[in-house]
């Protein structure tokens, strides 16, 4: 089967070169790529208190493992390895809309950045990420 396709392919490639210039047909093909990451919701752990610290400007989407909605204006992103980063949302967002999961659209480098990117709920809501805060577990007395 492969032997038959190769001569046909060569014939198809050579045919436009043999055609007169007046019969030449030009075409343009544009390929666009769109990557959207779906982040599943994970169950929140019991009896752990989190302390916020200065966080990164951007989070790599390859490191995301899940998310926990903790309040109306914040979503905790669970990273591979157990680290957590809190995404603080704009004031006019309702975190409750994101209980069924949400989508992130990373940039070409695979990063989601605060102040630039937004999260989108499966129901259609869109909220701008105001900032990221690094979370550290605090022992509960």
Foldseek 3Di string as FASTA:
>chain_A
DVVVVVVVVVCVVCVLVPDDPVPHDDDDDDDDDFDKDWAAADDDDPPWDKDWAADDQKDAPVQFHHWYQDAQQWIWTQGPVGWIKIFGWDPPGGSVLQNGTWMWGADPVRIDGAPPTWIAHPVGDIIGGNGIITIDIDHDD
